[in-house]
Amino acid sequence: MTTAAESVLRVEKGLADPEELAAITAVLLARAAAQPTAPAPAHRGRDTAGWRRLERTPGFRAPHSWQG
């Protein structure tokens, strides 16, 4: 029979005392409570790509062109 603590936390390497498990649980709960309730915007960048497709550019550019 597994307890609730065994299903939530798993020690990968070594042996953890109940005090250590309680400490890490307190830290994780404090961090979860500190998260902002409103989600941040997913994307604040520009709407278009920052690169250009070479097949859509003209074949010749003048030597004094600003497009380099």
PDB file of N, CA and C in Angstrom:
ATOM      1  N   MET A   1       0.835  -1.174   0.000  1.00  0.00           N
ATOM      2  CA  MET A   1       0.000   0.000   0.000  1.00  0.00           C
ATOM      3  C   MET A   1       0.883   1.241   0.000  1.00  0.00           C
ATOM      4  N   THR A   2       0.611   2.195  -0.908  1.00  0.00           N
ATOM      5  CA  THR A   2       1.408   3.413  -0.975  1.00  0.00           C
ATOM      6  C   THR A   2       0.675   4.554  -0.290  1.00  0.00           C
ATOM      7  N   THR A   3       1.456   5.392   0.347  1.00  0.00           N
ATOM      8  CA  THR A   3       0.865   6.562   0.997  1.00  0.00           C
ATOM      9  C   THR A   3       0.843   7.724   0.021  1.00  0.00           C
ATOM     10  N   ALA A   4       0.203   8.809   0.404  1.00  0.00           N
ATOM     11  CA  ALA A   4       0.093   9.968  -0.475  1.00  0.00           C
ATOM     12  C   ALA A   4       1.464  10.579  -0.760  1.00  0.00           C
ATOM     13  N   ALA A   5       2.358  10.582   0.241  1.00  0.00           N
ATOM     14  CA  ALA A   5       3.691  11.162   0.042  1.00  0.00           C
ATOM     15  C   ALA A   5       4.501  10.349  -0.955  1.00  0.00           C
ATOM     16  N   GLU A   6       4.320   9.061  -0.980  1.00  0.00           N
ATOM     17  CA  GLU A   6       5.065   8.230  -1.918  1.00  0.00           C
ATOM     18  C   GLU A   6       4.616   8.456  -3.347  1.00  0.00           C
ATOM     19  N   SER A   7       3.370   8.804  -3.550  1.00  0.00           N
ATOM     20  CA  SER A   7       2.895   9.007  -4.910  1.00  0.00           C
ATOM     21  C   SER A   7       3.244  10.399  -5.434  1.00  0.00           C
ATOM     22  N   VAL A   8       3.522  11.358  -4.544  1.00  0.00           N
ATOM     23  CA  VAL A   8       3.828  12.721  -4.972  1.00  0.00           C
ATOM     24  C   VAL A   8       5.326  12.909  -5.179  1.00  0.00           C
ATOM     25  N   LEU A   9       6.124  12.453  -4.259  1.00  0.00           N
ATOM     26  CA  LEU A   9       7.571  12.624  -4.319  1.00  0.00           C
ATOM     27  C   LEU A   9       8.258  11.278  -4.450  1.00  0.00           C
ATOM     28  N   ARG A  10       9.341  11.279  -5.201  1.00  0.00           N
ATOM     29  CA  ARG A  10      10.119  10.055  -5.360  1.00  0.00           C
ATOM     30  C   ARG A  10      11.595  10.412  -5.240  1.00  0.00           C
ATOM     31  N   VAL A  11      12.308   9.698  -4.398  1.00  0.00           N
ATOM     32  CA  VAL A  11      13.741   9.914  -4.223  1.00  0.00           C
ATOM     33  C   VAL A  11      14.459   9.034  -5.238  1.00  0.00           C
ATOM     34  N   GLU A  12      15.189   9.667  -6.131  1.00  0.00           N
ATOM     35  CA  GLU A  12      15.886   8.942  -7.185  1.00  0.00           C
ATOM     36  C   GLU A  12      17.174   8.288  -6.696  1.00  0.00           C
ATOM     37  N   LYS A  13      17.908   8.986  -5.848  1.00  0.00           N
ATOM     38  CA  LYS A  13      19.193   8.458  -5.410  1.00  0.00           C
ATOM     39  C   LYS A  13      19.399   8.816  -3.948  1.00  0.00           C
ATOM     40  N   GLY A  14      19.786   7.870  -3.162  1.00  0.00           N
ATOM     41  CA  GLY A  14      20.025   8.113  -1.749  1.00  0.00           C
ATOM     42  C   GLY A  14      18.769   7.865  -0.922  1.00  0.00           C
ATOM     43  N   LEU A  15      18.862   8.210   0.347  1.00  0.00           N
ATOM     44  CA  LEU A  15      17.747   8.039   1.277  1.00  0.00           C
ATOM     45  C   LEU A  15      17.366   9.391   1.846  1.00  0.00           C
ATOM     46  N   ALA A  16      16.107   9.729   1.766  1.00  0.00           N
ATOM     47  CA  ALA A  16      15.635  11.003   2.307  1.00  0.00           C
ATOM     48  C   ALA A  16      14.866  10.763   3.592  1.00  0.00           C
ATOM     49  N   ASP A  17      15.202  11.541   4.592  1.00  0.00           N
ATOM     50  CA  ASP A  17      14.477  11.482   5.865  1.00  0.00           C
ATOM     51  C   ASP A  17      13.123  12.177   5.709  1.00  0.00           C
ATOM     52  N   PRO A  18      12.190  11.882   6.591  1.00  0.00           N
ATOM     53  CA  PRO A  18      10.896  12.592   6.537  1.00  0.00           C
ATOM     54  C   PRO A  18      11.048  14.109   6.673  1.00  0.00           C
ATOM     55  N   GLU A  19      12.053  14.569   7.448  1.00  0.00           N
ATOM     56  CA  GLU A  19      12.274  16.014   7.584  1.00  0.00           C
ATOM     57  C   GLU A  19      12.724  16.622   6.259  1.00  0.00           C
ATOM     58  N   GLU A  20      13.570  15.905   5.525  1.00  0.00           N
ATOM     59  CA  GLU A  20      14.029  16.403   4.226  1.00  0.00           C
ATOM     60  C   GLU A  20      12.885  16.446   3.221  1.00  0.00           C
ATOM     61  N   LEU A  21      12.037  15.440   3.224  1.00  0.00           N
ATOM     62  CA  LEU A  21      10.879  15.441   2.337  1.00  0.00           C
ATOM     63  C   LEU A  21       9.916  16.571   2.700  1.00  0.00           C
ATOM     64  N   ALA A  22       9.749  16.826   3.992  1.00  0.00           N
ATOM     65  CA  ALA A  22       8.888  17.927   4.415  1.00  0.00           C
ATOM     66  C   ALA A  22       9.469  19.268   3.987  1.00  0.00           C
ATOM     67  N   ALA A  23      10.797  19.415   4.055  1.00  0.00           N
ATOM     68  CA  ALA A  23      11.432  20.672   3.663  1.00  0.00           C
ATOM     69  C   ALA A  23      11.273  20.920   2.162  1.00  0.00           C
ATOM     70  N   ILE A  24      11.501  19.905   1.347  1.00  0.00           N
ATOM     71  CA  ILE A  24      11.366  20.095  -0.097  1.00  0.00           C
ATOM     72  C   ILE A  24       9.913  20.320  -0.486  1.00  0.00           C
ATOM     73  N   THR A  25       8.994  19.681   0.224  1.00  0.00           N
ATOM     74  CA  THR A  25       7.568  19.909  -0.034  1.00  0.00           C
ATOM     75  C   THR A  25       7.198  21.344   0.305  1.00  0.00           C
ATOM     76  N   ALA A  26       7.709  21.870   1.414  1.00  0.00           N
ATOM     77  CA  ALA A  26       7.425  23.256   1.792  1.00  0.00           C
ATOM     78  C   ALA A  26       7.975  24.231   0.762  1.00  0.00           C
ATOM     79  N   VAL A  27       9.164  23.968   0.250  1.00  0.00           N
ATOM     80  CA  VAL A  27       9.763  24.841  -0.771  1.00  0.00           C
ATOM     81  C   VAL A  27       8.941  24.802  -2.050  1.00  0.00           C
ATOM     82  N   LEU A  28       8.551  23.623  -2.485  1.00  0.00           N
ATOM     83  CA  LEU A  28       7.775  23.510  -3.717  1.00  0.00           C
ATOM     84  C   LEU A  28       6.406  24.175  -3.587  1.00  0.00           C
ATOM     85  N   LEU A  29       5.765  24.014  -2.446  1.00  0.00           N
ATOM     86  CA  LEU A  29       4.466  24.660  -2.230  1.00  0.00           C
ATOM     87  C   LEU A  29       4.605  26.179  -2.167  1.00  0.00           C
ATOM     88  N   ALA A  30       5.686  26.685  -1.563  1.00  0.00           N
ATOM     89  CA  ALA A  30       5.908  28.125  -1.504  1.00  0.00           C
ATOM     90  C   ALA A  30       6.148  28.697  -2.894  1.00  0.00           C
ATOM     91  N   ARG A  31       6.907  27.979  -3.715  1.00  0.00           N
ATOM     92  CA  ARG A  31       7.145  28.450  -5.087  1.00  0.00           C
ATOM     93  C   ARG A  31       5.876  28.416  -5.911  1.00  0.00           C
ATOM     94  N   ALA A  32       5.061  27.396  -5.732  1.00  0.00           N
ATOM     95  CA  ALA A  32       3.811  27.310  -6.474  1.00  0.00           C
ATOM     96  C   ALA A  32       2.858  28.425  -6.061  1.00  0.00           C
ATOM     97  N   ALA A  33       2.857  28.797  -4.795  1.00  0.00           N
ATOM     98  CA  ALA A  33       1.989  29.872  -4.328  1.00  0.00           C
ATOM     99  C   ALA A  33       2.484  31.234  -4.789  1.00  0.00           C
ATOM    100  N   ALA A  34       3.770  31.373  -5.053  1.00  0.00           N
ATOM    101  CA  ALA A  34       4.342  32.659  -5.460  1.00  0.00           C
ATOM    102  C   ALA A  34       4.154  32.948  -6.938  1.00  0.00           C
ATOM    103  N   GLN A  35       3.700  31.998  -7.723  1.00  0.00           N
ATOM    104  CA  GLN A  35       3.512  32.210  -9.151  1.00  0.00           C
ATOM    105  C   GLN A  35       2.376  33.189  -9.380  1.00  0.00           C
ATOM    106  N   PRO A  36       2.497  34.059 -10.392  1.00  0.00           N
ATOM    107  CA  PRO A  36       1.413  34.997 -10.676  1.00  0.00           C
ATOM    108  C   PRO A  36       0.170  34.260 -11.160  1.00  0.00           C
ATOM    109  N   THR A  37      -0.991  34.804 -10.805  1.00  0.00           N
ATOM    110  CA  THR A  37      -2.239  34.134 -11.183  1.00  0.00           C
ATOM    111  C   THR A  37      -2.587  34.383 -12.642  1.00  0.00           C
ATOM    112  N   ALA A  38      -2.255  35.554 -13.175  1.00  0.00           N
ATOM    113  CA  ALA A  38      -2.553  35.848 -14.576  1.00  0.00           C
ATOM    114  C   ALA A  38      -1.441  35.287 -15.453  1.00  0.00           C
ATOM    115  N   PRO A  39      -1.794  34.556 -16.493  1.00  0.00           N
ATOM    116  CA  PRO A  39      -0.755  34.025 -17.370  1.00  0.00           C
ATOM    117  C   PRO A  39      -0.098  35.139 -18.178  1.00  0.00           C
ATOM    118  N   ALA A  40       1.172  35.004 -18.394  1.00  0.00           N
ATOM    119  CA  ALA A  40       1.912  35.980 -19.194  1.00  0.00           C
ATOM    120  C   ALA A  40       1.543  35.811 -20.664  1.00  0.00           C
ATOM    121  N   PRO A  41       1.637  36.883 -21.443  1.00  0.00           N
ATOM    122  CA  PRO A  41       1.361  36.746 -22.875  1.00  0.00           C
ATOM    123  C   PRO A  41       2.313  35.737 -23.516  1.00  0.00           C
ATOM    124  N   ALA A  42       1.797  34.955 -24.410  1.00  0.00           N
ATOM    125  CA  ALA A  42       2.591  33.884 -24.999  1.00  0.00           C
ATOM    126  C   ALA A  42       3.723  34.409 -25.869  1.00  0.00           C
ATOM    127  N   HIS A  43       3.479  35.519 -26.580  1.00  0.00           N
ATOM    128  CA  HIS A  43       4.477  35.980 -27.537  1.00  0.00           C
ATOM    129  C   HIS A  43       4.427  37.502 -27.622  1.00  0.00           C
ATOM    130  N   ARG A  44       5.556  38.158 -27.433  1.00  0.00           N
ATOM    131  CA  ARG A  44       5.598  39.614 -27.522  1.00  0.00           C
ATOM    132  C   ARG A  44       6.418  40.072 -28.718  1.00  0.00           C
ATOM    133  N   GLY A  45       6.903  39.169 -29.511  1.00  0.00           N
ATOM    134  CA  GLY A  45       7.760  39.522 -30.642  1.00  0.00           C
ATOM    135  C   GLY A  45       6.973  40.065 -31.810  1.00  0.00           C
ATOM    136  N   ARG A  46       7.653  40.179 -32.914  1.00  0.00           N
ATOM    137  CA  ARG A  46       7.002  40.710 -34.109  1.00  0.00           C
ATOM    138  C   ARG A  46       6.187  39.638 -34.803  1.00  0.00           C
ATOM    139  N   ASP A  47       5.301  40.080 -35.689  1.00  0.00           N
ATOM    140  CA  ASP A  47       4.411  39.160 -36.379  1.00  0.00           C
ATOM    141  C   ASP A  47       5.072  38.497 -37.584  1.00  0.00           C
ATOM    142  N   THR A  48       6.086  39.111 -38.142  1.00  0.00           N
ATOM    143  CA  THR A  48       6.743  38.552 -39.321  1.00  0.00           C
ATOM    144  C   THR A  48       8.081  37.948 -38.942  1.00  0.00           C
ATOM    145  N   ALA A  49       8.584  37.123 -39.806  1.00  0.00           N
ATOM    146  CA  ALA A  49       9.866  36.469 -39.555  1.00  0.00           C
ATOM    147  C   ALA A  49      11.000  37.481 -39.661  1.00  0.00           C
ATOM    148  N   GLY A  50      12.051  37.276 -38.892  1.00  0.00           N
ATOM    149  CA  GLY A  50      13.200  38.160 -38.922  1.00  0.00           C
ATOM    150  C   GLY A  50      14.190  37.816 -40.022  1.00  0.00           C
ATOM    151  N   TRP A  51      13.910  36.837 -40.803  1.00  0.00           N
ATOM    152  CA  TRP A  51      14.791  36.449 -41.893  1.00  0.00           C
ATOM    153  C   TRP A  51      14.018  36.556 -43.192  1.00  0.00           C
ATOM    154  N   ARG A  52      14.730  36.537 -44.294  1.00  0.00           N
ATOM    155  CA  ARG A  52      14.064  36.625 -45.597  1.00  0.00           C
ATOM    156  C   ARG A  52      14.365  35.380 -46.402  1.00  0.00           C
ATOM    157  N   ARG A  53      13.447  35.038 -47.227  1.00  0.00           N
ATOM    158  CA  ARG A  53      13.621  33.861 -48.074  1.00  0.00           C
ATOM    159  C   ARG A  53      14.371  34.257 -49.329  1.00  0.00           C
ATOM    160  N   LEU A  54      15.467  33.592 -49.583  1.00  0.00           N
ATOM    161  CA  LEU A  54      16.331  33.976 -50.691  1.00  0.00           C
ATOM    162  C   LEU A  54      15.660  33.764 -52.052  1.00  0.00           C
ATOM    163  N   GLU A  55      14.763  32.800 -52.134  1.00  0.00           N
ATOM    164  CA  GLU A  55      14.119  32.567 -53.425  1.00  0.00           C
ATOM    165  C   GLU A  55      13.123  33.671 -53.786  1.00  0.00           C
ATOM    166  N   ARG A  56      12.772  34.531 -52.836  1.00  0.00           N
ATOM    167  CA  ARG A  56      11.853  35.630 -53.116  1.00  0.00           C
ATOM    168  C   ARG A  56      12.559  36.952 -53.355  1.00  0.00           C
ATOM    169  N   THR A  57      13.850  36.987 -53.267  1.00  0.00           N
ATOM    170  CA  THR A  57      14.593  38.217 -53.517  1.00  0.00           C
ATOM    171  C   THR A  57      14.967  38.279 -54.990  1.00  0.00           C
ATOM    172  N   PRO A  58      15.101  39.483 -55.536  1.00  0.00           N
ATOM    173  CA  PRO A  58      15.506  39.597 -56.940  1.00  0.00           C
ATOM    174  C   PRO A  58      16.924  39.058 -57.129  1.00  0.00           C
ATOM    175  N   GLY A  59      17.216  38.671 -58.334  1.00  0.00           N
ATOM    176  CA  GLY A  59      18.513  38.062 -58.608  1.00  0.00           C
ATOM    177  C   GLY A  59      19.676  39.026 -58.567  1.00  0.00           C
ATOM    178  N   PHE A  60      19.412  40.299 -58.757  1.00  0.00           N
ATOM    179  CA  PHE A  60      20.502  41.275 -58.802  1.00  0.00           C
ATOM    180  C   PHE A  60      20.228  42.395 -57.818  1.00  0.00           C
ATOM    181  N   ARG A  61      21.269  42.787 -57.091  1.00  0.00           N
ATOM    182  CA  ARG A  61      21.208  43.964 -56.244  1.00  0.00           C
ATOM    183  C   ARG A  61      22.309  44.913 -56.672  1.00  0.00           C
ATOM    184  N   ALA A  62      21.970  46.173 -56.695  1.00  0.00           N
ATOM    185  CA  ALA A  62      22.968  47.158 -57.083  1.00  0.00           C
ATOM    186  C   ALA A  62      24.089  47.210 -56.026  1.00  0.00           C
ATOM    187  N   PRO A  63      25.314  47.522 -56.452  1.00  0.00           N
ATOM    188  CA  PRO A  63      26.424  47.550 -55.499  1.00  0.00           C
ATOM    189  C   PRO A  63      26.227  48.582 -54.384  1.00  0.00           C
ATOM    190  N   HIS A  64      25.457  49.626 -54.626  1.00  0.00           N
ATOM    191  CA  HIS A  64      25.242  50.661 -53.617  1.00  0.00           C
ATOM    192  C   HIS A  64      23.949  50.423 -52.821  1.00  0.00           C
ATOM    193  N   SER A  65      23.378  49.240 -52.941  1.00  0.00           N
ATOM    194  CA  SER A  65      22.129  48.930 -52.268  1.00  0.00           C
ATOM    195  C   SER A  65      22.344  48.837 -50.759  1.00  0.00           C
ATOM    196  N   TRP A  66      21.341  49.272 -50.008  1.00  0.00           N
ATOM    197  CA  TRP A  66      21.394  49.211 -48.554  1.00  0.00           C
ATOM    198  C   TRP A  66      21.078  47.811 -48.025  1.00  0.00           C
ATOM    199  N   GLN A  67      20.598  46.918 -48.881  1.00  0.00           N
ATOM    200  CA  GLN A  67      20.190  45.604 -48.438  1.00  0.00           C
ATOM    201  C   GLN A  67      21.346  44.632 -48.276  1.00  0.00           C
ATOM    202  N   GLY A  68      22.512  45.011 -48.684  1.00  0.00           N
ATOM    203  CA  GLY A  68      23.744  44.308 -48.479  1.00  0.00           C
ATOM    204  C   GLY A  68      23.785  42.901 -48.800  1.00  0.00           C
TER     205      GLY A  68
END
